[in-house]
Amino acid sequence: MSDNPLPALAWLVFAVGIGVILIAFFSKSARARSPMRRYANALTGVFFCLIALTKGIPDLSSSVQYLLLAAALIAGGASWYIGRHAHRMDRMARRK
């Protein structure tokens, strides 16, 4: 057994990310919210999963880790933007 607790913590963060995704789509309170808010919450879970994968898998090359980190930052930015503008996006979707 390794003395490095980082991979175990990373897999715990990955499980939290999966939980956030599942809650975003399947909980009753989330279904009462706007669809865009649900997508933003799901992207937050994807952000946690991608961040956790960078340290959870120890044999990844540095280029793959940077790619996962970039994807996590894009997912986090998209989550923030959609969450911030969810009300406006829902109104625009209802008009069409």
PDB file of N, CA and C in Angstrom:
ATOM      1  N   MET A   1       0.838  -1.179   0.000  1.00  0.00           N
ATOM      2  CA  MET A   1       0.000   0.000   0.000  1.00  0.00           C
ATOM      3  C   MET A   1       0.877   1.233   0.000  1.00  0.00           C
ATOM      4  N   SER A   2       0.476   2.184  -0.762  1.00  0.00           N
ATOM      5  CA  SER A   2       1.235   3.414  -0.896  1.00  0.00           C
ATOM      6  C   SER A   2       0.979   4.341   0.290  1.00  0.00           C
ATOM      7  N   ASP A   3       1.972   5.154   0.599  1.00  0.00           N
ATOM      8  CA  ASP A   3       1.816   6.135   1.674  1.00  0.00           C
ATOM      9  C   ASP A   3       1.170   7.418   1.177  1.00  0.00           C
ATOM     10  N   ASN A   4       0.919   7.524  -0.122  1.00  0.00           N
ATOM     11  CA  ASN A   4       0.346   8.727  -0.708  1.00  0.00           C
ATOM     12  C   ASN A   4      -1.185   8.648  -0.645  1.00  0.00           C
ATOM     13  N   PRO A   5      -1.826   9.499   0.153  1.00  0.00           N
ATOM     14  CA  PRO A   5      -3.294   9.451   0.250  1.00  0.00           C
ATOM     15  C   PRO A   5      -4.009  10.202  -0.877  1.00  0.00           C
ATOM     16  N   LEU A   6      -3.241  10.856  -1.772  1.00  0.00           N
ATOM     17  CA  LEU A   6      -3.845  11.677  -2.812  1.00  0.00           C
ATOM     18  C   LEU A   6      -4.745  10.891  -3.776  1.00  0.00           C
ATOM     19  N   PRO A   7      -4.355   9.694  -4.270  1.00  0.00           N
ATOM     20  CA  PRO A   7      -5.272   8.957  -5.160  1.00  0.00           C
ATOM     21  C   PRO A   7      -6.584   8.560  -4.477  1.00  0.00           C
ATOM     22  N   ALA A   8      -6.535   8.193  -3.223  1.00  0.00           N
ATOM     23  CA  ALA A   8      -7.769   7.840  -2.517  1.00  0.00           C
ATOM     24  C   ALA A   8      -8.671   9.060  -2.354  1.00  0.00           C
ATOM     25  N   LEU A   9      -8.089  10.182  -2.050  1.00  0.00           N
ATOM     26  CA  LEU A   9      -8.863  11.419  -1.937  1.00  0.00           C
ATOM     27  C   LEU A   9      -9.427  11.822  -3.297  1.00  0.00           C
ATOM     28  N   ALA A  10      -8.641  11.603  -4.347  1.00  0.00           N
ATOM     29  CA  ALA A  10      -9.111  11.933  -5.692  1.00  0.00           C
ATOM     30  C   ALA A  10     -10.314  11.074  -6.073  1.00  0.00           C
ATOM     31  N   TRP A  11     -10.295   9.814  -5.715  1.00  0.00           N
ATOM     32  CA  TRP A  11     -11.449   8.955  -6.039  1.00  0.00           C
ATOM     33  C   TRP A  11     -12.662   9.331  -5.199  1.00  0.00           C
ATOM     34  N   LEU A  12     -12.444   9.839  -4.011  1.00  0.00           N
ATOM     35  CA  LEU A  12     -13.559  10.344  -3.211  1.00  0.00           C
ATOM     36  C   LEU A  12     -14.168  11.583  -3.870  1.00  0.00           C
ATOM     37  N   VAL A  13     -13.330  12.468  -4.381  1.00  0.00           N
ATOM     38  CA  VAL A  13     -13.823  13.654  -5.099  1.00  0.00           C
ATOM     39  C   VAL A  13     -14.545  13.220  -6.375  1.00  0.00           C
ATOM     40  N   PHE A  14     -14.050  12.184  -7.047  1.00  0.00           N
ATOM     41  CA  PHE A  14     -14.720  11.659  -8.232  1.00  0.00           C
ATOM     42  C   PHE A  14     -16.116  11.157  -7.879  1.00  0.00           C
ATOM     43  N   ALA A  15     -16.237  10.448  -6.764  1.00  0.00           N
ATOM     44  CA  ALA A  15     -17.545   9.952  -6.324  1.00  0.00           C
ATOM     45  C   ALA A  15     -18.486  11.111  -5.994  1.00  0.00           C
ATOM     46  N   VAL A  16     -17.955  12.166  -5.404  1.00  0.00           N
ATOM     47  CA  VAL A  16     -18.763  13.356  -5.125  1.00  0.00           C
ATOM     48  C   VAL A  16     -19.246  13.979  -6.437  1.00  0.00           C
ATOM     49  N   GLY A  17     -18.377  14.024  -7.432  1.00  0.00           N
ATOM     50  CA  GLY A  17     -18.759  14.554  -8.739  1.00  0.00           C
ATOM     51  C   GLY A  17     -19.874  13.742  -9.382  1.00  0.00           C
ATOM     52  N   ILE A  18     -19.785  12.425  -9.309  1.00  0.00           N
ATOM     53  CA  ILE A  18     -20.852  11.559  -9.828  1.00  0.00           C
ATOM     54  C   ILE A  18     -22.140  11.816  -9.058  1.00  0.00           C
ATOM     55  N   GLY A  19     -22.031  11.992  -7.746  1.00  0.00           N
ATOM     56  CA  GLY A  19     -23.211  12.294  -6.937  1.00  0.00           C
ATOM     57  C   GLY A  19     -23.856  13.615  -7.323  1.00  0.00           C
ATOM     58  N   VAL A  20     -23.045  14.632  -7.610  1.00  0.00           N
ATOM     59  CA  VAL A  20     -23.583  15.931  -8.027  1.00  0.00           C
ATOM     60  C   VAL A  20     -24.313  15.793  -9.356  1.00  0.00           C
ATOM     61  N   ILE A  21     -23.748  15.024 -10.280  1.00  0.00           N
ATOM     62  CA  ILE A  21     -24.398  14.810 -11.571  1.00  0.00           C
ATOM     63  C   ILE A  21     -25.735  14.102 -11.388  1.00  0.00           C
ATOM     64  N   LEU A  22     -25.754  13.057 -10.568  1.00  0.00           N
ATOM     65  CA  LEU A  22     -26.996  12.317 -10.340  1.00  0.00           C
ATOM     66  C   LEU A  22     -28.052  13.173  -9.649  1.00  0.00           C
ATOM     67  N   ILE A  23     -27.639  13.968  -8.689  1.00  0.00           N
ATOM     68  CA  ILE A  23     -28.585  14.855  -8.010  1.00  0.00           C
ATOM     69  C   ILE A  23     -29.118  15.911  -8.972  1.00  0.00           C
ATOM     70  N   ALA A  24     -28.243  16.408  -9.859  1.00  0.00           N
ATOM     71  CA  ALA A  24     -28.671  17.442 -10.803  1.00  0.00           C
ATOM     72  C   ALA A  24     -29.775  16.941 -11.725  1.00  0.00           C
ATOM     73  N   PHE A  25     -29.755  15.674 -12.067  1.00  0.00           N
ATOM     74  CA  PHE A  25     -30.735  15.176 -13.025  1.00  0.00           C
ATOM     75  C   PHE A  25     -31.904  14.415 -12.403  1.00  0.00           C
ATOM     76  N   PHE A  26     -31.729  13.835 -11.227  1.00  0.00           N
ATOM     77  CA  PHE A  26     -32.762  12.939 -10.733  1.00  0.00           C
ATOM     78  C   PHE A  26     -33.467  13.361  -9.451  1.00  0.00           C
ATOM     79  N   SER A  27     -33.007  14.387  -8.752  1.00  0.00           N
ATOM     80  CA  SER A  27     -33.698  14.772  -7.525  1.00  0.00           C
ATOM     81  C   SER A  27     -34.948  15.589  -7.854  1.00  0.00           C
ATOM     82  N   LYS A  28     -35.927  15.504  -6.989  1.00  0.00           N
ATOM     83  CA  LYS A  28     -37.180  16.228  -7.221  1.00  0.00           C
ATOM     84  C   LYS A  28     -36.980  17.735  -7.162  1.00  0.00           C
ATOM     85  N   SER A  29     -36.143  18.194  -6.256  1.00  0.00           N
ATOM     86  CA  SER A  29     -35.931  19.641  -6.150  1.00  0.00           C
ATOM     87  C   SER A  29     -35.194  20.172  -7.379  1.00  0.00           C
ATOM     88  N   ALA A  30     -34.303  19.374  -7.958  1.00  0.00           N
ATOM     89  CA  ALA A  30     -33.604  19.825  -9.158  1.00  0.00           C
ATOM     90  C   ALA A  30     -34.541  19.851 -10.355  1.00  0.00           C
ATOM     91  N   ARG A  31     -35.490  18.937 -10.406  1.00  0.00           N
ATOM     92  CA  ARG A  31     -36.440  18.928 -11.518  1.00  0.00           C
ATOM     93  C   ARG A  31     -37.376  20.125 -11.462  1.00  0.00           C
ATOM     94  N   ALA A  32     -37.565  20.697 -10.281  1.00  0.00           N
ATOM     95  CA  ALA A  32     -38.413  21.880 -10.144  1.00  0.00           C
ATOM     96  C   ALA A  32     -37.689  23.130 -10.630  1.00  0.00           C
ATOM     97  N   ARG A  33     -36.376  23.082 -10.710  1.00  0.00           N
ATOM     98  CA  ARG A  33     -35.600  24.228 -11.170  1.00  0.00           C
ATOM     99  C   ARG A  33     -35.604  24.302 -12.685  1.00  0.00           C
ATOM    100  N   SER A  34     -34.941  25.300 -13.173  1.00  0.00           N
ATOM    101  CA  SER A  34     -34.870  25.495 -14.618  1.00  0.00           C
ATOM    102  C   SER A  34     -33.959  24.437 -15.250  1.00  0.00           C
ATOM    103  N   PRO A  35     -34.213  24.093 -16.503  1.00  0.00           N
ATOM    104  CA  PRO A  35     -33.351  23.122 -17.172  1.00  0.00           C
ATOM    105  C   PRO A  35     -31.896  23.589 -17.292  1.00  0.00           C
ATOM    106  N   MET A  36     -31.695  24.850 -17.521  1.00  0.00           N
ATOM    107  CA  MET A  36     -30.323  25.359 -17.648  1.00  0.00           C
ATOM    108  C   MET A  36     -29.571  25.265 -16.321  1.00  0.00           C
ATOM    109  N   ARG A  37     -30.276  25.486 -15.219  1.00  0.00           N
ATOM    110  CA  ARG A  37     -29.644  25.350 -13.903  1.00  0.00           C
ATOM    111  C   ARG A  37     -29.244  23.897 -13.659  1.00  0.00           C
ATOM    112  N   ARG A  38     -30.064  22.969 -14.131  1.00  0.00           N
ATOM    113  CA  ARG A  38     -29.728  21.549 -13.999  1.00  0.00           C
ATOM    114  C   ARG A  38     -28.480  21.216 -14.801  1.00  0.00           C
ATOM    115  N   TYR A  39     -28.382  21.762 -16.026  1.00  0.00           N
ATOM    116  CA  TYR A  39     -27.190  21.523 -16.834  1.00  0.00           C
ATOM    117  C   TYR A  39     -25.951  22.127 -16.184  1.00  0.00           C
ATOM    118  N   ALA A  40     -26.105  23.294 -15.597  1.00  0.00           N
ATOM    119  CA  ALA A  40     -24.975  23.925 -14.914  1.00  0.00           C
ATOM    120  C   ALA A  40     -24.525  23.081 -13.727  1.00  0.00           C
ATOM    121  N   ASN A  41     -25.470  22.537 -12.973  1.00  0.00           N
ATOM    122  CA  ASN A  41     -25.110  21.678 -11.849  1.00  0.00           C
ATOM    123  C   ASN A  41     -24.438  20.395 -12.327  1.00  0.00           C
ATOM    124  N   ALA A  42     -24.908  19.838 -13.436  1.00  0.00           N
ATOM    125  CA  ALA A  42     -24.280  18.634 -13.982  1.00  0.00           C
ATOM    126  C   ALA A  42     -22.853  18.937 -14.453  1.00  0.00           C
ATOM    127  N   LEU A  43     -22.640  20.098 -15.041  1.00  0.00           N
ATOM    128  CA  LEU A  43     -21.292  20.475 -15.450  1.00  0.00           C
ATOM    129  C   LEU A  43     -20.372  20.678 -14.253  1.00  0.00           C
ATOM    130  N   THR A  44     -20.922  21.096 -13.136  1.00  0.00           N
ATOM    131  CA  THR A  44     -20.124  21.191 -11.915  1.00  0.00           C
ATOM    132  C   THR A  44     -19.647  19.805 -11.495  1.00  0.00           C
ATOM    133  N   GLY A  45     -20.528  18.815 -11.597  1.00  0.00           N
ATOM    134  CA  GLY A  45     -20.129  17.442 -11.302  1.00  0.00           C
ATOM    135  C   GLY A  45     -19.064  16.938 -12.260  1.00  0.00           C
ATOM    136  N   VAL A  46     -19.183  17.286 -13.534  1.00  0.00           N
ATOM    137  CA  VAL A  46     -18.159  16.907 -14.519  1.00  0.00           C
ATOM    138  C   VAL A  46     -16.827  17.557 -14.172  1.00  0.00           C
ATOM    139  N   PHE A  47     -16.872  18.805 -13.716  1.00  0.00           N
ATOM    140  CA  PHE A  47     -15.660  19.500 -13.276  1.00  0.00           C
ATOM    141  C   PHE A  47     -14.966  18.725 -12.159  1.00  0.00           C
ATOM    142  N   PHE A  48     -15.720  18.316 -11.152  1.00  0.00           N
ATOM    143  CA  PHE A  48     -15.135  17.549 -10.046  1.00  0.00           C
ATOM    144  C   PHE A  48     -14.555  16.232 -10.531  1.00  0.00           C
ATOM    145  N   CYS A  49     -15.260  15.546 -11.429  1.00  0.00           N
ATOM    146  CA  CYS A  49     -14.780  14.261 -11.936  1.00  0.00           C
ATOM    147  C   CYS A  49     -13.467  14.425 -12.707  1.00  0.00           C
ATOM    148  N   LEU A  50     -13.401  15.430 -13.559  1.00  0.00           N
ATOM    149  CA  LEU A  50     -12.185  15.625 -14.353  1.00  0.00           C
ATOM    150  C   LEU A  50     -10.999  16.043 -13.494  1.00  0.00           C
ATOM    151  N   ILE A  51     -11.240  16.895 -12.519  1.00  0.00           N
ATOM    152  CA  ILE A  51     -10.163  17.283 -11.600  1.00  0.00           C
ATOM    153  C   ILE A  51      -9.666  16.064 -10.834  1.00  0.00           C
ATOM    154  N   ALA A  52     -10.590  15.224 -10.395  1.00  0.00           N
ATOM    155  CA  ALA A  52     -10.197  14.043  -9.632  1.00  0.00           C
ATOM    156  C   ALA A  52      -9.414  13.056 -10.487  1.00  0.00           C
ATOM    157  N   LEU A  53      -9.755  12.947 -11.760  1.00  0.00           N
ATOM    158  CA  LEU A  53      -9.041  12.010 -12.625  1.00  0.00           C
ATOM    159  C   LEU A  53      -7.589  12.414 -12.856  1.00  0.00           C
ATOM    160  N   THR A  54      -7.292  13.694 -12.763  1.00  0.00           N
ATOM    161  CA  THR A  54      -5.904  14.118 -12.975  1.00  0.00           C
ATOM    162  C   THR A  54      -4.970  13.549 -11.913  1.00  0.00           C
ATOM    163  N   LYS A  55      -5.461  13.384 -10.711  1.00  0.00           N
ATOM    164  CA  LYS A  55      -4.624  12.828  -9.640  1.00  0.00           C
ATOM    165  C   LYS A  55      -5.029  11.420  -9.225  1.00  0.00           C
ATOM    166  N   GLY A  56      -6.204  10.976  -9.653  1.00  0.00           N
ATOM    167  CA  GLY A  56      -6.679   9.642  -9.258  1.00  0.00           C
ATOM    168  C   GLY A  56      -6.018   8.517 -10.007  1.00  0.00           C
ATOM    169  N   ILE A  57      -5.592   8.777 -11.227  1.00  0.00           N
ATOM    170  CA  ILE A  57      -4.907   7.766 -12.031  1.00  0.00           C
ATOM    171  C   ILE A  57      -3.425   8.135 -12.043  1.00  0.00           C
ATOM    172  N   PRO A  58      -2.591   7.381 -11.331  1.00  0.00           N
ATOM    173  CA  PRO A  58      -1.200   7.799 -11.157  1.00  0.00           C
ATOM    174  C   PRO A  58      -0.329   7.626 -12.400  1.00  0.00           C
ATOM    175  N   ASP A  59      -0.703   6.785 -13.353  1.00  0.00           N
ATOM    176  CA  ASP A  59       0.174   6.487 -14.485  1.00  0.00           C
ATOM    177  C   ASP A  59      -0.103   7.339 -15.716  1.00  0.00           C
ATOM    178  N   LEU A  60      -0.833   8.425 -15.571  1.00  0.00           N
ATOM    179  CA  LEU A  60      -1.116   9.286 -16.712  1.00  0.00           C
ATOM    180  C   LEU A  60       0.103  10.126 -17.064  1.00  0.00           C
ATOM    181  N   SER A  61       0.313  10.323 -18.357  1.00  0.00           N
ATOM    182  CA  SER A  61       1.405  11.205 -18.762  1.00  0.00           C
ATOM    183  C   SER A  61       1.015  12.651 -18.452  1.00  0.00           C
ATOM    184  N   SER A  62       2.002  13.505 -18.448  1.00  0.00           N
ATOM    185  CA  SER A  62       1.722  14.901 -18.096  1.00  0.00           C
ATOM    186  C   SER A  62       0.860  15.578 -19.155  1.00  0.00           C
ATOM    187  N   SER A  63       0.997  15.186 -20.414  1.00  0.00           N
ATOM    188  CA  SER A  63       0.165  15.800 -21.452  1.00  0.00           C
ATOM    189  C   SER A  63      -1.306  15.431 -21.275  1.00  0.00           C
ATOM    190  N   VAL A  64      -1.582  14.208 -20.868  1.00  0.00           N
ATOM    191  CA  VAL A  64      -2.970  13.797 -20.617  1.00  0.00           C
ATOM    192  C   VAL A  64      -3.511  14.508 -19.380  1.00  0.00           C
ATOM    193  N   GLN A  65      -2.679  14.680 -18.379  1.00  0.00           N
ATOM    194  CA  GLN A  65      -3.107  15.410 -17.186  1.00  0.00           C
ATOM    195  C   GLN A  65      -3.435  16.859 -17.527  1.00  0.00           C
ATOM    196  N   TYR A  66      -2.631  17.484 -18.370  1.00  0.00           N
ATOM    197  CA  TYR A  66      -2.917  18.855 -18.786  1.00  0.00           C
ATOM    198  C   TYR A  66      -4.188  18.931 -19.615  1.00  0.00           C
ATOM    199  N   LEU A  67      -4.418  17.926 -20.448  1.00  0.00           N
ATOM    200  CA  LEU A  67      -5.639  17.879 -21.243  1.00  0.00           C
ATOM    201  C   LEU A  67      -6.869  17.740 -20.344  1.00  0.00           C
ATOM    202  N   LEU A  68      -6.787  16.866 -19.334  1.00  0.00           N
ATOM    203  CA  LEU A  68      -7.891  16.723 -18.379  1.00  0.00           C
ATOM    204  C   LEU A  68      -8.104  18.003 -17.581  1.00  0.00           C
ATOM    205  N   LEU A  69      -7.022  18.646 -17.215  1.00  0.00           N
ATOM    206  CA  LEU A  69      -7.132  19.909 -16.478  1.00  0.00           C
ATOM    207  C   LEU A  69      -7.780  20.986 -17.335  1.00  0.00           C
ATOM    208  N   ALA A  70      -7.402  21.060 -18.608  1.00  0.00           N
ATOM    209  CA  ALA A  70      -8.009  22.037 -19.509  1.00  0.00           C
ATOM    210  C   ALA A  70      -9.495  21.744 -19.695  1.00  0.00           C
ATOM    211  N   ALA A  71      -9.847  20.470 -19.851  1.00  0.00           N
ATOM    212  CA  ALA A  71     -11.259  20.104 -19.996  1.00  0.00           C
ATOM    213  C   ALA A  71     -12.034  20.443 -18.728  1.00  0.00           C
ATOM    214  N   ALA A  72     -11.410  20.242 -17.563  1.00  0.00           N
ATOM    215  CA  ALA A  72     -12.067  20.581 -16.302  1.00  0.00           C
ATOM    216  C   ALA A  72     -12.292  22.085 -16.194  1.00  0.00           C
ATOM    217  N   LEU A  73     -11.316  22.869 -16.608  1.00  0.00           N
ATOM    218  CA  LEU A  73     -11.478  24.318 -16.547  1.00  0.00           C
ATOM    219  C   LEU A  73     -12.554  24.799 -17.515  1.00  0.00           C
ATOM    220  N   ILE A  74     -12.644  24.184 -18.681  1.00  0.00           N
ATOM    221  CA  ILE A  74     -13.705  24.534 -19.629  1.00  0.00           C
ATOM    222  C   ILE A  74     -15.070  24.165 -19.054  1.00  0.00           C
ATOM    223  N   ALA A  75     -15.175  22.979 -18.459  1.00  0.00           N
ATOM    224  CA  ALA A  75     -16.445  22.567 -17.856  1.00  0.00           C
ATOM    225  C   ALA A  75     -16.819  23.477 -16.691  1.00  0.00           C
ATOM    226  N   GLY A  76     -15.833  23.850 -15.880  1.00  0.00           N
ATOM    227  CA  GLY A  76     -16.101  24.759 -14.771  1.00  0.00           C
ATOM    228  C   GLY A  76     -16.531  26.140 -15.245  1.00  0.00           C
ATOM    229  N   GLY A  77     -15.877  26.641 -16.280  1.00  0.00           N
ATOM    230  CA  GLY A  77     -16.264  27.936 -16.826  1.00  0.00           C
ATOM    231  C   GLY A  77     -17.646  27.907 -17.447  1.00  0.00           C
ATOM    232  N   ALA A  78     -17.948  26.831 -18.172  1.00  0.00           N
ATOM    233  CA  ALA A  78     -19.280  26.699 -18.764  1.00  0.00           C
ATOM    234  C   ALA A  78     -20.342  26.572 -17.679  1.00  0.00           C
ATOM    235  N   SER A  79     -20.031  25.842 -16.623  1.00  0.00           N
ATOM    236  CA  SER A  79     -20.965  25.705 -15.504  1.00  0.00           C
ATOM    237  C   SER A  79     -21.241  27.057 -14.860  1.00  0.00           C
ATOM    238  N   TRP A  80     -20.191  27.821 -14.646  1.00  0.00           N
ATOM    239  CA  TRP A  80     -20.357  29.145 -14.039  1.00  0.00           C
ATOM    240  C   TRP A  80     -21.198  30.047 -14.939  1.00  0.00           C
ATOM    241  N   TYR A  81     -20.879  30.067 -16.243  1.00  0.00           N
ATOM    242  CA  TYR A  81     -21.585  30.949 -17.164  1.00  0.00           C
ATOM    243  C   TYR A  81     -23.059  30.558 -17.290  1.00  0.00           C
ATOM    244  N   ILE A  82     -23.320  29.274 -17.466  1.00  0.00           N
ATOM    245  CA  ILE A  82     -24.710  28.824 -17.608  1.00  0.00           C
ATOM    246  C   ILE A  82     -25.480  29.059 -16.317  1.00  0.00           C
ATOM    247  N   GLY A  83     -24.847  28.793 -15.180  1.00  0.00           N
ATOM    248  CA  GLY A  83     -25.514  29.035 -13.900  1.00  0.00           C
ATOM    249  C   GLY A  83     -25.827  30.502 -13.678  1.00  0.00           C
ATOM    250  N   ARG A  84     -24.932  31.356 -14.113  1.00  0.00           N
ATOM    251  CA  ARG A  84     -25.129  32.797 -13.935  1.00  0.00           C
ATOM    252  C   ARG A  84     -26.229  33.339 -14.837  1.00  0.00           C
ATOM    253  N   HIS A  85     -26.357  32.793 -16.034  1.00  0.00           N
ATOM    254  CA  HIS A  85     -27.312  33.295 -17.011  1.00  0.00           C
ATOM    255  C   HIS A  85     -28.463  32.325 -17.262  1.00  0.00           C
ATOM    256  N   ALA A  86     -28.732  31.438 -16.328  1.00  0.00           N
ATOM    257  CA  ALA A  86     -29.746  30.392 -16.541  1.00  0.00           C
ATOM    258  C   ALA A  86     -31.141  30.987 -16.738  1.00  0.00           C
ATOM    259  N   HIS A  87     -31.472  31.986 -15.965  1.00  0.00           N
ATOM    260  CA  HIS A  87     -32.813  32.572 -16.066  1.00  0.00           C
ATOM    261  C   HIS A  87     -33.033  33.171 -17.455  1.00  0.00           C
ATOM    262  N   ARG A  88     -32.057  33.903 -17.928  1.00  0.00           N
ATOM    263  CA  ARG A  88     -32.157  34.528 -19.253  1.00  0.00           C
ATOM    264  C   ARG A  88     -32.207  33.466 -20.356  1.00  0.00           C
ATOM    265  N   MET A  89     -31.395  32.426 -20.228  1.00  0.00           N
ATOM    266  CA  MET A  89     -31.392  31.356 -21.235  1.00  0.00           C
ATOM    267  C   MET A  89     -32.714  30.596 -21.251  1.00  0.00           C
ATOM    268  N   ASP A  90     -33.309  30.394 -20.081  1.00  0.00           N
ATOM    269  CA  ASP A  90     -34.619  29.721 -20.029  1.00  0.00           C
ATOM    270  C   ASP A  90     -35.698  30.557 -20.692  1.00  0.00           C
ATOM    271  N   ARG A  91     -35.665  31.858 -20.452  1.00  0.00           N
ATOM    272  CA  ARG A  91     -36.652  32.734 -21.111  1.00  0.00           C
ATOM    273  C   ARG A  91     -36.487  32.726 -22.621  1.00  0.00           C
ATOM    274  N   MET A  92     -35.256  32.729 -23.103  1.00  0.00           N
ATOM    275  CA  MET A  92     -35.016  32.698 -24.536  1.00  0.00           C
ATOM    276  C   MET A  92     -35.467  31.372 -25.137  1.00  0.00           C
ATOM    277  N   ALA A  93     -35.276  30.271 -24.407  1.00  0.00           N
ATOM    278  CA  ALA A  93     -35.701  28.966 -24.912  1.00  0.00           C
ATOM    279  C   ALA A  93     -37.222  28.851 -24.954  1.00  0.00           C
ATOM    280  N   ARG A  94     -37.906  29.478 -24.008  1.00  0.00           N
ATOM    281  CA  ARG A  94     -39.378  29.428 -23.991  1.00  0.00           C
ATOM    282  C   ARG A  94     -39.981  30.267 -25.113  1.00  0.00           C
ATOM    283  N   ARG A  95     -39.296  31.304 -25.525  1.00  0.00           N
ATOM    284  CA  ARG A  95     -39.820  32.178 -26.590  1.00  0.00           C
ATOM    285  C   ARG A  95     -39.831  31.489 -27.935  1.00  0.00           C
ATOM    286  N   LYS A  96     -38.915  30.596 -28.157  1.00  0.00           N
ATOM    287  CA  LYS A  96     -38.806  29.957 -29.481  1.00  0.00           C
ATOM    288  C   LYS A  96     -39.842  28.909 -29.702  1.00  0.00           C
TER     289      LYS A  96
END
